[in-house]
Amino acid sequence: MTKKEIAGVIESKAAEYGFKMRETSAGWMSEQTDNTFARVEIFARDNSEKTRWEDRKIWLDIEAAGSICRMGGNTTPEELLKAADEIARAAKFTGEINTMGLSYIETF
């Protein structure tokens, strides 16, 4: 796959789980607002075993990670349920991305 195709897969899967992604220097990250409870970050990691330096080609594996980005204070039961739902969706999204085995090659 190409990086552009991978971006399309990530954006499509993110939408399925109710997230909107934006590209960063390290990969992609879910957009954050004042009402966001979970963050999903997707990284392109160098795979040194598959990289062919002599051919000037870097193999990049896609890895997703999630985190809780806001909690605390006097949270209402409704806010807790909303947070639980968002955290569950983030966990399922990161799990699905990680099981897809996405990767691409970049030439330099």
PDB file of N, CA and C in Angstrom:
ATOM      1  N   MET A   1       0.828  -1.182   0.000  1.00  0.00           N
ATOM      2  CA  MET A   1       0.000   0.000   0.000  1.00  0.00           C
ATOM      3  C   MET A   1       0.877   1.253   0.000  1.00  0.00           C
ATOM      4  N   THR A   2       0.301   2.332  -0.444  1.00  0.00           N
ATOM      5  CA  THR A   2       0.988   3.618  -0.389  1.00  0.00           C
ATOM      6  C   THR A   2       0.571   4.354   0.881  1.00  0.00           C
ATOM      7  N   LYS A   3       1.316   5.409   1.211  1.00  0.00           N
ATOM      8  CA  LYS A   3       0.959   6.216   2.378  1.00  0.00           C
ATOM      9  C   LYS A   3      -0.428   6.835   2.188  1.00  0.00           C
ATOM     10  N   LYS A   4      -0.740   7.249   0.969  1.00  0.00           N
ATOM     11  CA  LYS A   4      -2.045   7.847   0.688  1.00  0.00           C
ATOM     12  C   LYS A   4      -3.166   6.820   0.881  1.00  0.00           C
ATOM     13  N   GLU A   5      -2.948   5.580   0.448  1.00  0.00           N
ATOM     14  CA  GLU A   5      -3.950   4.525   0.643  1.00  0.00           C
ATOM     15  C   GLU A   5      -4.133   4.221   2.120  1.00  0.00           C
ATOM     16  N   ILE A   6      -3.024   4.189   2.852  1.00  0.00           N
ATOM     17  CA  ILE A   6      -3.081   3.952   4.309  1.00  0.00           C
ATOM     18  C   ILE A   6      -3.882   5.065   4.980  1.00  0.00           C
ATOM     19  N   ALA A   7      -3.633   6.315   4.580  1.00  0.00           N
ATOM     20  CA  ALA A   7      -4.367   7.443   5.147  1.00  0.00           C
ATOM     21  C   ALA A   7      -5.858   7.278   4.894  1.00  0.00           C
ATOM     22  N   GLY A   8      -6.222   6.808   3.719  1.00  0.00           N
ATOM     23  CA  GLY A   8      -7.633   6.571   3.407  1.00  0.00           C
ATOM     24  C   GLY A   8      -8.240   5.504   4.291  1.00  0.00           C
ATOM     25  N   VAL A   9      -7.508   4.421   4.535  1.00  0.00           N
ATOM     26  CA  VAL A   9      -7.983   3.353   5.421  1.00  0.00           C
ATOM     27  C   VAL A   9      -8.166   3.894   6.829  1.00  0.00           C
ATOM     28  N   ILE A  10      -7.182   4.635   7.320  1.00  0.00           N
ATOM     29  CA  ILE A  10      -7.238   5.190   8.678  1.00  0.00           C
ATOM     30  C   ILE A  10      -8.425   6.135   8.828  1.00  0.00           C
ATOM     31  N   GLU A  11      -8.600   7.032   7.876  1.00  0.00           N
ATOM     32  CA  GLU A  11      -9.712   7.980   7.950  1.00  0.00           C
ATOM     33  C   GLU A  11     -11.060   7.269   7.873  1.00  0.00           C
ATOM     34  N   SER A  12     -11.152   6.256   7.032  1.00  0.00           N
ATOM     35  CA  SER A  12     -12.398   5.497   6.897  1.00  0.00           C
ATOM     36  C   SER A  12     -12.733   4.738   8.183  1.00  0.00           C
ATOM     37  N   LYS A  13     -11.739   4.052   8.733  1.00  0.00           N
ATOM     38  CA  LYS A  13     -11.949   3.310   9.980  1.00  0.00           C
ATOM     39  C   LYS A  13     -12.256   4.269  11.133  1.00  0.00           C
ATOM     40  N   ALA A  14     -11.577   5.400  11.162  1.00  0.00           N
ATOM     41  CA  ALA A  14     -11.830   6.393  12.208  1.00  0.00           C
ATOM     42  C   ALA A  14     -13.284   6.836  12.162  1.00  0.00           C
ATOM     43  N   ALA A  15     -13.782   7.116  10.968  1.00  0.00           N
ATOM     44  CA  ALA A  15     -15.177   7.558  10.819  1.00  0.00           C
ATOM     45  C   ALA A  15     -16.138   6.474  11.306  1.00  0.00           C
ATOM     46  N   GLU A  16     -15.823   5.207  11.044  1.00  0.00           N
ATOM     47  CA  GLU A  16     -16.674   4.105  11.516  1.00  0.00           C
ATOM     48  C   GLU A  16     -16.811   4.123  13.039  1.00  0.00           C
ATOM     49  N   TYR A  17     -15.748   4.542  13.715  1.00  0.00           N
ATOM     50  CA  TYR A  17     -15.743   4.565  15.175  1.00  0.00           C
ATOM     51  C   TYR A  17     -16.064   5.948  15.748  1.00  0.00           C
ATOM     52  N   GLY A  18     -16.397   6.892  14.888  1.00  0.00           N
ATOM     53  CA  GLY A  18     -16.799   8.211  15.345  1.00  0.00           C
ATOM     54  C   GLY A  18     -15.661   9.178  15.612  1.00  0.00           C
ATOM     55  N   PHE A  19     -14.519   8.947  14.996  1.00  0.00           N
ATOM     56  CA  PHE A  19     -13.366   9.831  15.178  1.00  0.00           C
ATOM     57  C   PHE A  19     -13.003  10.493  13.865  1.00  0.00           C
ATOM     58  N   LYS A  20     -12.399  11.666  13.968  1.00  0.00           N
ATOM     59  CA  LYS A  20     -11.855  12.359  12.810  1.00  0.00           C
ATOM     60  C   LYS A  20     -10.359  12.482  13.055  1.00  0.00           C
ATOM     61  N   MET A  21      -9.562  12.100  12.062  1.00  0.00           N
ATOM     62  CA  MET A  21      -8.116  12.099  12.216  1.00  0.00           C
ATOM     63  C   MET A  21      -7.493  13.277  11.480  1.00  0.00           C
ATOM     64  N   ARG A  22      -6.317  13.687  11.968  1.00  0.00           N
ATOM     65  CA  ARG A  22      -5.531  14.685  11.259  1.00  0.00           C
ATOM     66  C   ARG A  22      -4.102  14.166  11.190  1.00  0.00           C
ATOM     67  N   GLU A  23      -3.441  14.490  10.097  1.00  0.00           N
ATOM     68  CA  GLU A  23      -2.071  14.027   9.906  1.00  0.00           C
ATOM     69  C   GLU A  23      -1.117  14.852  10.758  1.00  0.00           C
ATOM     70  N   THR A  24      -0.129  14.175  11.339  1.00  0.00           N
ATOM     71  CA  THR A  24       0.911  14.825  12.132  1.00  0.00           C
ATOM     72  C   THR A  24       2.268  14.428  11.547  1.00  0.00           C
ATOM     73  N   SER A  25       3.331  14.963  12.083  1.00  0.00           N
ATOM     74  CA  SER A  25       4.668  14.617  11.587  1.00  0.00           C
ATOM     75  C   SER A  25       5.016  13.152  11.856  1.00  0.00           C
ATOM     76  N   ALA A  26       4.419  12.560  12.875  1.00  0.00           N
ATOM     77  CA  ALA A  26       4.711  11.168  13.220  1.00  0.00           C
ATOM     78  C   ALA A  26       3.678  10.185  12.681  1.00  0.00           C
ATOM     79  N   GLY A  27       2.568  10.673  12.157  1.00  0.00           N
ATOM     80  CA  GLY A  27       1.507   9.788  11.671  1.00  0.00           C
ATOM     81  C   GLY A  27       0.174  10.497  11.635  1.00  0.00           C
ATOM     82  N   TRP A  28      -0.763  10.043  12.498  1.00  0.00           N
ATOM     83  CA  TRP A  28      -2.094  10.622  12.561  1.00  0.00           C
ATOM     84  C   TRP A  28      -2.542  10.676  14.017  1.00  0.00           C
ATOM     85  N   MET A  29      -3.442  11.626  14.313  1.00  0.00           N
ATOM     86  CA  MET A  29      -3.982  11.752  15.662  1.00  0.00           C
ATOM     87  C   MET A  29      -5.444  12.169  15.551  1.00  0.00           C
ATOM     88  N   SER A  30      -6.260  11.644  16.454  1.00  0.00           N
ATOM     89  CA  SER A  30      -7.667  12.033  16.463  1.00  0.00           C
ATOM     90  C   SER A  30      -7.776  13.495  16.883  1.00  0.00           C
ATOM     91  N   GLU A  31      -8.740  14.177  16.282  1.00  0.00           N
ATOM     92  CA  GLU A  31      -8.945  15.580  16.630  1.00  0.00           C
ATOM     93  C   GLU A  31      -9.482  15.676  18.053  1.00  0.00           C
ATOM     94  N   GLN A  32      -9.022  16.697  18.773  1.00  0.00           N
ATOM     95  CA  GLN A  32      -9.371  16.885  20.174  1.00  0.00           C
ATOM     96  C   GLN A  32     -10.199  18.146  20.353  1.00  0.00           C
ATOM     97  N   THR A  33     -11.182  18.071  21.245  1.00  0.00           N
ATOM     98  CA  THR A  33     -11.971  19.238  21.621  1.00  0.00           C
ATOM     99  C   THR A  33     -12.032  19.297  23.141  1.00  0.00           C
ATOM    100  N   ASP A  34     -12.725  20.290  23.665  1.00  0.00           N
ATOM    101  CA  ASP A  34     -12.903  20.385  25.118  1.00  0.00           C
ATOM    102  C   ASP A  34     -13.766  19.250  25.655  1.00  0.00           C
ATOM    103  N   ASN A  35     -14.502  18.573  24.786  1.00  0.00           N
ATOM    104  CA  ASN A  35     -15.389  17.486  25.200  1.00  0.00           C
ATOM    105  C   ASN A  35     -14.833  16.106  24.887  1.00  0.00           C
ATOM    106  N   THR A  36     -13.584  16.028  24.487  1.00  0.00           N
ATOM    107  CA  THR A  36     -12.974  14.758  24.116  1.00  0.00           C
ATOM    108  C   THR A  36     -12.421  14.049  25.350  1.00  0.00           C
ATOM    109  N   PHE A  37     -12.680  12.748  25.430  1.00  0.00           N
ATOM    110  CA  PHE A  37     -12.177  11.957  26.560  1.00  0.00           C
ATOM    111  C   PHE A  37     -11.033  11.039  26.164  1.00  0.00           C
ATOM    112  N   ALA A  38     -10.987  10.614  24.901  1.00  0.00           N
ATOM    113  CA  ALA A  38      -9.967   9.662  24.451  1.00  0.00           C
ATOM    114  C   ALA A  38      -9.202  10.232  23.264  1.00  0.00           C
ATOM    115  N   ARG A  39      -7.964   9.818  23.141  1.00  0.00           N
ATOM    116  CA  ARG A  39      -7.129  10.219  22.012  1.00  0.00           C
ATOM    117  C   ARG A  39      -6.603   8.949  21.352  1.00  0.00           C
ATOM    118  N   VAL A  40      -6.617   8.958  20.036  1.00  0.00           N
ATOM    119  CA  VAL A  40      -6.034   7.865  19.267  1.00  0.00           C
ATOM    120  C   VAL A  40      -4.880   8.440  18.469  1.00  0.00           C
ATOM    121  N   GLU A  41      -3.719   7.813  18.587  1.00  0.00           N
ATOM    122  CA  GLU A  41      -2.562   8.220  17.814  1.00  0.00           C
ATOM    123  C   GLU A  41      -2.098   7.031  16.994  1.00  0.00           C
ATOM    124  N   ILE A  42      -1.790   7.292  15.745  1.00  0.00           N
ATOM    125  CA  ILE A  42      -1.339   6.246  14.835  1.00  0.00           C
ATOM    126  C   ILE A  42       0.018   6.671  14.300  1.00  0.00           C
ATOM    127  N   PHE A  43       0.996   5.790  14.489  1.00  0.00           N
ATOM    128  CA  PHE A  43       2.376   6.101  14.149  1.00  0.00           C
ATOM    129  C   PHE A  43       2.862   5.236  12.994  1.00  0.00           C
ATOM    130  N   ALA A  44       3.768   5.802  12.208  1.00  0.00           N
ATOM    131  CA  ALA A  44       4.500   5.044  11.189  1.00  0.00           C
ATOM    132  C   ALA A  44       5.874   4.757  11.787  1.00  0.00           C
ATOM    133  N   ARG A  45       6.129   3.492  12.121  1.00  0.00           N
ATOM    134  CA  ARG A  45       7.376   3.107  12.790  1.00  0.00           C
ATOM    135  C   ARG A  45       8.317   2.414  11.797  1.00  0.00           C
ATOM    136  N   ASP A  46       9.594   2.796  11.830  1.00  0.00           N
ATOM    137  CA  ASP A  46      10.585   2.140  10.981  1.00  0.00           C
ATOM    138  C   ASP A  46      10.665   0.659  11.324  1.00  0.00           C
ATOM    139  N   ASN A  47      10.660  -0.175  10.300  1.00  0.00           N
ATOM    140  CA  ASN A  47      10.882  -1.602  10.489  1.00  0.00           C
ATOM    141  C   ASN A  47      12.270  -1.895   9.934  1.00  0.00           C
ATOM    142  N   SER A  48      13.269  -1.923  10.822  1.00  0.00           N
ATOM    143  CA  SER A  48      14.665  -2.061  10.389  1.00  0.00           C
ATOM    144  C   SER A  48      14.941  -3.422   9.750  1.00  0.00           C
ATOM    145  N   GLU A  49      14.159  -4.442  10.102  1.00  0.00           N
ATOM    146  CA  GLU A  49      14.365  -5.762   9.509  1.00  0.00           C
ATOM    147  C   GLU A  49      13.969  -5.805   8.037  1.00  0.00           C
ATOM    148  N   LYS A  50      12.991  -5.000   7.644  1.00  0.00           N
ATOM    149  CA  LYS A  50      12.518  -4.996   6.267  1.00  0.00           C
ATOM    150  C   LYS A  50      13.050  -3.826   5.442  1.00  0.00           C
ATOM    151  N   THR A  51      13.615  -2.820   6.119  1.00  0.00           N
ATOM    152  CA  THR A  51      14.147  -1.658   5.416  1.00  0.00           C
ATOM    153  C   THR A  51      15.369  -2.068   4.603  1.00  0.00           C
ATOM    154  N   ARG A  52      15.461  -1.517   3.395  1.00  0.00           N
ATOM    155  CA  ARG A  52      16.589  -1.788   2.502  1.00  0.00           C
ATOM    156  C   ARG A  52      17.327  -0.478   2.259  1.00  0.00           C
ATOM    157  N   TRP A  53      18.265  -0.197   3.167  1.00  0.00           N
ATOM    158  CA  TRP A  53      18.998   1.065   3.097  1.00  0.00           C
ATOM    159  C   TRP A  53      19.749   1.204   1.785  1.00  0.00           C
ATOM    160  N   GLU A  54      20.330   0.102   1.308  1.00  0.00           N
ATOM    161  CA  GLU A  54      21.104   0.173   0.061  1.00  0.00           C
ATOM    162  C   GLU A  54      20.233   0.543  -1.143  1.00  0.00           C
ATOM    163  N   ASP A  55      18.928   0.224  -1.064  1.00  0.00           N
ATOM    164  CA  ASP A  55      17.982   0.590  -2.127  1.00  0.00           C
ATOM    165  C   ASP A  55      17.269   1.905  -1.833  1.00  0.00           C
ATOM    166  N   ARG A  56      17.654   2.530  -0.709  1.00  0.00           N
ATOM    167  CA  ARG A  56      17.060   3.801  -0.281  1.00  0.00           C
ATOM    168  C   ARG A  56      15.551   3.674  -0.066  1.00  0.00           C
ATOM    169  N   LYS A  57      15.161   2.557   0.561  1.00  0.00           N
ATOM    170  CA  LYS A  57      13.743   2.306   0.840  1.00  0.00           C
ATOM    171  C   LYS A  57      13.556   1.982   2.317  1.00  0.00           C
ATOM    172  N   ILE A  58      12.683   2.752   2.941  1.00  0.00           N
ATOM    173  CA  ILE A  58      12.370   2.536   4.360  1.00  0.00           C
ATOM    174  C   ILE A  58      10.992   1.894   4.445  1.00  0.00           C
ATOM    175  N   TRP A  59      10.931   0.797   5.180  1.00  0.00           N
ATOM    176  CA  TRP A  59       9.669   0.103   5.414  1.00  0.00           C
ATOM    177  C   TRP A  59       9.077   0.669   6.699  1.00  0.00           C
ATOM    178  N   LEU A  60       7.830   1.122   6.632  1.00  0.00           N
ATOM    179  CA  LEU A  60       7.175   1.713   7.803  1.00  0.00           C
ATOM    180  C   LEU A  60       5.934   0.904   8.168  1.00  0.00           C
ATOM    181  N   ASP A  61       5.878   0.454   9.404  1.00  0.00           N
ATOM    182  CA  ASP A  61       4.726  -0.280   9.929  1.00  0.00           C
ATOM    183  C   ASP A  61       3.819   0.697  10.672  1.00  0.00           C
ATOM    184  N   ILE A  62       2.528   0.509  10.541  1.00  0.00           N
ATOM    185  CA  ILE A  62       1.545   1.363  11.192  1.00  0.00           C
ATOM    186  C   ILE A  62       1.140   0.749  12.528  1.00  0.00           C
ATOM    187  N   GLU A  63       1.223   1.548  13.584  1.00  0.00           N
ATOM    188  CA  GLU A  63       0.851   1.117  14.931  1.00  0.00           C
ATOM    189  C   GLU A  63      -0.061   2.167  15.556  1.00  0.00           C
ATOM    190  N   ALA A  64      -1.101   1.708  16.211  1.00  0.00           N
ATOM    191  CA  ALA A  64      -2.047   2.613  16.864  1.00  0.00           C
ATOM    192  C   ALA A  64      -1.954   2.477  18.382  1.00  0.00           C
ATOM    193  N   ALA A  65      -2.183   3.584  19.052  1.00  0.00           N
ATOM    194  CA  ALA A  65      -2.214   3.605  20.515  1.00  0.00           C
ATOM    195  C   ALA A  65      -3.320   4.560  20.941  1.00  0.00           C
ATOM    196  N   GLY A  66      -3.907   4.273  22.063  1.00  0.00           N
ATOM    197  CA  GLY A  66      -4.964   5.137  22.586  1.00  0.00           C
ATOM    198  C   GLY A  66      -4.645   5.576  24.001  1.00  0.00           C
ATOM    199  N   SER A  67      -5.263   6.673  24.400  1.00  0.00           N
ATOM    200  CA  SER A  67      -5.079   7.139  25.768  1.00  0.00           C
ATOM    201  C   SER A  67      -6.302   7.932  26.204  1.00  0.00           C
ATOM    202  N   ILE A  68      -6.459   8.024  27.505  1.00  0.00           N
ATOM    203  CA  ILE A  68      -7.509   8.864  28.076  1.00  0.00           C
ATOM    204  C   ILE A  68      -6.893  10.243  28.225  1.00  0.00           C
ATOM    205  N   CYS A  69      -7.518  11.245  27.629  1.00  0.00           N
ATOM    206  CA  CYS A  69      -6.905  12.570  27.616  1.00  0.00           C
ATOM    207  C   CYS A  69      -7.596  13.564  28.529  1.00  0.00           C
ATOM    208  N   ARG A  70      -8.749  13.199  29.086  1.00  0.00           N
ATOM    209  CA  ARG A  70      -9.428  14.134  29.989  1.00  0.00           C
ATOM    210  C   ARG A  70     -10.375  13.355  30.895  1.00  0.00           C
ATOM    211  N   MET A  71     -10.210  13.544  32.161  1.00  0.00           N
ATOM    212  CA  MET A  71     -11.131  12.987  33.162  1.00  0.00           C
ATOM    213  C   MET A  71     -10.878  13.745  34.455  1.00  0.00           C
ATOM    214  N   GLY A  72     -11.681  13.470  35.405  1.00  0.00           N
ATOM    215  CA  GLY A  72     -11.483  14.106  36.703  1.00  0.00           C
ATOM    216  C   GLY A  72     -12.560  15.123  36.996  1.00  0.00           C
ATOM    217  N   GLY A  73     -12.455  15.733  38.139  1.00  0.00           N
ATOM    218  CA  GLY A  73     -13.433  16.734  38.543  1.00  0.00           C
ATOM    219  C   GLY A  73     -14.719  16.094  39.015  1.00  0.00           C
ATOM    220  N   ASN A  74     -15.788  16.852  38.979  1.00  0.00           N
ATOM    221  CA  ASN A  74     -17.105  16.368  39.388  1.00  0.00           C
ATOM    222  C   ASN A  74     -17.886  15.949  38.147  1.00  0.00           C
ATOM    223  N   THR A  75     -17.586  14.764  37.666  1.00  0.00           N
ATOM    224  CA  THR A  75     -18.188  14.252  36.438  1.00  0.00           C
ATOM    225  C   THR A  75     -19.584  13.725  36.724  1.00  0.00           C
ATOM    226  N   THR A  76     -20.532  14.080  35.871  1.00  0.00           N
ATOM    227  CA  THR A  76     -21.907  13.603  36.019  1.00  0.00           C
ATOM    228  C   THR A  76     -21.998  12.166  35.505  1.00  0.00           C
ATOM    229  N   PRO A  77     -23.049  11.434  35.900  1.00  0.00           N
ATOM    230  CA  PRO A  77     -23.239  10.093  35.366  1.00  0.00           C
ATOM    231  C   PRO A  77     -23.305  10.092  33.834  1.00  0.00           C
ATOM    232  N   GLU A  78     -23.922  11.102  33.251  1.00  0.00           N
ATOM    233  CA  GLU A  78     -24.022  11.186  31.788  1.00  0.00           C
ATOM    234  C   GLU A  78     -22.646  11.349  31.156  1.00  0.00           C
ATOM    235  N   GLU A  79     -21.814  12.215  31.770  1.00  0.00           N
ATOM    236  CA  GLU A  79     -20.457  12.412  31.248  1.00  0.00           C
ATOM    237  C   GLU A  79     -19.631  11.139  31.376  1.00  0.00           C
ATOM    238  N   LEU A  80     -19.820  10.422  32.482  1.00  0.00           N
ATOM    239  CA  LEU A  80     -19.103   9.156  32.662  1.00  0.00           C
ATOM    240  C   LEU A  80     -19.502   8.146  31.587  1.00  0.00           C
ATOM    241  N   LEU A  81     -20.789   8.069  31.289  1.00  0.00           N
ATOM    242  CA  LEU A  81     -21.247   7.153  30.243  1.00  0.00           C
ATOM    243  C   LEU A  81     -20.704   7.564  28.879  1.00  0.00           C
ATOM    244  N   LYS A  82     -20.676   8.858  28.611  1.00  0.00           N
ATOM    245  CA  LYS A  82     -20.125   9.351  27.349  1.00  0.00           C
ATOM    246  C   LYS A  82     -18.639   9.010  27.267  1.00  0.00           C
ATOM    247  N   ALA A  83     -17.916   9.224  28.355  1.00  0.00           N
ATOM    248  CA  ALA A  83     -16.486   8.900  28.383  1.00  0.00           C
ATOM    249  C   ALA A  83     -16.262   7.407  28.179  1.00  0.00           C
ATOM    250  N   ALA A  84     -17.060   6.589  28.847  1.00  0.00           N
ATOM    251  CA  ALA A  84     -16.917   5.135  28.714  1.00  0.00           C
ATOM    252  C   ALA A  84     -17.141   4.694  27.269  1.00  0.00           C
ATOM    253  N   ASP A  85     -18.153   5.277  26.626  1.00  0.00           N
ATOM    254  CA  ASP A  85     -18.433   4.944  25.230  1.00  0.00           C
ATOM    255  C   ASP A  85     -17.270   5.356  24.332  1.00  0.00           C
ATOM    256  N   GLU A  86     -16.773   6.569  24.508  1.00  0.00           N
ATOM    257  CA  GLU A  86     -15.680   7.060  23.673  1.00  0.00           C
ATOM    258  C   GLU A  86     -14.406   6.253  23.885  1.00  0.00           C
ATOM    259  N   ILE A  87     -14.112   5.908  25.131  1.00  0.00           N
ATOM    260  CA  ILE A  87     -12.924   5.112  25.442  1.00  0.00           C
ATOM    261  C   ILE A  87     -13.048   3.718  24.831  1.00  0.00           C
ATOM    262  N   ALA A  88     -14.224   3.123  24.901  1.00  0.00           N
ATOM    263  CA  ALA A  88     -14.440   1.801  24.293  1.00  0.00           C
ATOM    264  C   ALA A  88     -14.259   1.865  22.779  1.00  0.00           C
ATOM    265  N   ARG A  89     -14.803   2.909  22.143  1.00  0.00           N
ATOM    266  CA  ARG A  89     -14.647   3.055  20.691  1.00  0.00           C
ATOM    267  C   ARG A  89     -13.177   3.237  20.325  1.00  0.00           C
ATOM    268  N   ALA A  90     -12.445   4.018  21.114  1.00  0.00           N
ATOM    269  CA  ALA A  90     -11.018   4.230  20.854  1.00  0.00           C
ATOM    270  C   ALA A  90     -10.247   2.915  20.984  1.00  0.00           C
ATOM    271  N   ALA A  91     -10.590   2.122  21.989  1.00  0.00           N
ATOM    272  CA  ALA A  91      -9.924   0.833  22.185  1.00  0.00           C
ATOM    273  C   ALA A  91     -10.195  -0.106  21.008  1.00  0.00           C
ATOM    274  N   LYS A  92     -11.427  -0.155  20.550  1.00  0.00           N
ATOM    275  CA  LYS A  92     -11.768  -1.026  19.413  1.00  0.00           C
ATOM    276  C   LYS A  92     -11.089  -0.541  18.137  1.00  0.00           C
ATOM    277  N   PHE A  93     -11.068   0.771  17.936  1.00  0.00           N
ATOM    278  CA  PHE A  93     -10.429   1.347  16.759  1.00  0.00           C
ATOM    279  C   PHE A  93      -8.937   1.026  16.736  1.00  0.00           C
ATOM    280  N   THR A  94      -8.230   1.279  17.847  1.00  0.00           N
ATOM    281  CA  THR A  94      -6.791   0.994  17.884  1.00  0.00           C
ATOM    282  C   THR A  94      -6.527  -0.496  17.700  1.00  0.00           C
ATOM    283  N   GLY A  95      -7.361  -1.325  18.309  1.00  0.00           N
ATOM    284  CA  GLY A  95      -7.199  -2.766  18.152  1.00  0.00           C
ATOM    285  C   GLY A  95      -7.351  -3.199  16.701  1.00  0.00           C
ATOM    286  N   GLU A  96      -8.354  -2.660  16.021  1.00  0.00           N
ATOM    287  CA  GLU A  96      -8.573  -3.035  14.625  1.00  0.00           C
ATOM    288  C   GLU A  96      -7.418  -2.571  13.740  1.00  0.00           C
ATOM    289  N   ILE A  97      -6.957  -1.339  13.931  1.00  0.00           N
ATOM    290  CA  ILE A  97      -5.820  -0.849  13.139  1.00  0.00           C
ATOM    291  C   ILE A  97      -4.598  -1.737  13.354  1.00  0.00           C
ATOM    292  N   ASN A  98      -4.337  -2.110  14.601  1.00  0.00           N
ATOM    293  CA  ASN A  98      -3.153  -2.920  14.895  1.00  0.00           C
ATOM    294  C   ASN A  98      -3.248  -4.329  14.318  1.00  0.00           C
ATOM    295  N   THR A  99      -4.430  -4.868  14.179  1.00  0.00           N
ATOM    296  CA  THR A  99      -4.553  -6.220  13.620  1.00  0.00           C
ATOM    297  C   THR A  99      -4.553  -6.222  12.095  1.00  0.00           C
ATOM    298  N   MET A 100      -4.653  -5.060  11.469  1.00  0.00           N
ATOM    299  CA  MET A 100      -4.688  -4.981  10.006  1.00  0.00           C
ATOM    300  C   MET A 100      -3.316  -5.176   9.365  1.00  0.00           C
ATOM    301  N   GLY A 101      -2.247  -5.000  10.111  1.00  0.00           N
ATOM    302  CA  GLY A 101      -0.906  -5.177   9.566  1.00  0.00           C
ATOM    303  C   GLY A 101      -0.565  -4.193   8.456  1.00  0.00           C
ATOM    304  N   LEU A 102      -0.958  -2.925   8.616  1.00  0.00           N
ATOM    305  CA  LEU A 102      -0.716  -1.922   7.589  1.00  0.00           C
ATOM    306  C   LEU A 102       0.758  -1.518   7.552  1.00  0.00           C
ATOM    307  N   SER A 103       1.266  -1.311   6.345  1.00  0.00           N
ATOM    308  CA  SER A 103       2.637  -0.837   6.177  1.00  0.00           C
ATOM    309  C   SER A 103       2.783  -0.231   4.792  1.00  0.00           C
ATOM    310  N   TYR A 104       3.829   0.562   4.635  1.00  0.00           N
ATOM    311  CA  TYR A 104       4.151   1.120   3.334  1.00  0.00           C
ATOM    312  C   TYR A 104       5.660   1.351   3.253  1.00  0.00           C
ATOM    313  N   ILE A 105       6.138   1.550   2.027  1.00  0.00           N
ATOM    314  CA  ILE A 105       7.560   1.793   1.797  1.00  0.00           C
ATOM    315  C   ILE A 105       7.729   3.224   1.324  1.00  0.00           C
ATOM    316  N   GLU A 106       8.713   3.887   1.895  1.00  0.00           N
ATOM    317  CA  GLU A 106       9.044   5.253   1.503  1.00  0.00           C
ATOM    318  C   GLU A 106      10.440   5.262   0.901  1.00  0.00           C
ATOM    319  N   THR A 107      10.591   5.861  -0.250  1.00  0.00           N
ATOM    320  CA  THR A 107      11.891   5.958  -0.913  1.00  0.00           C
ATOM    321  C   THR A 107      12.485   7.333  -0.638  1.00  0.00           C
ATOM    322  N   PHE A 108      13.768   7.343  -0.362  1.00  0.00           N
ATOM    323  CA  PHE A 108      14.436   8.621  -0.093  1.00  0.00           C
ATOM    324  C   PHE A 108      15.624   8.814  -1.010  1.00  0.00           C
TER     325      PHE A 108
END
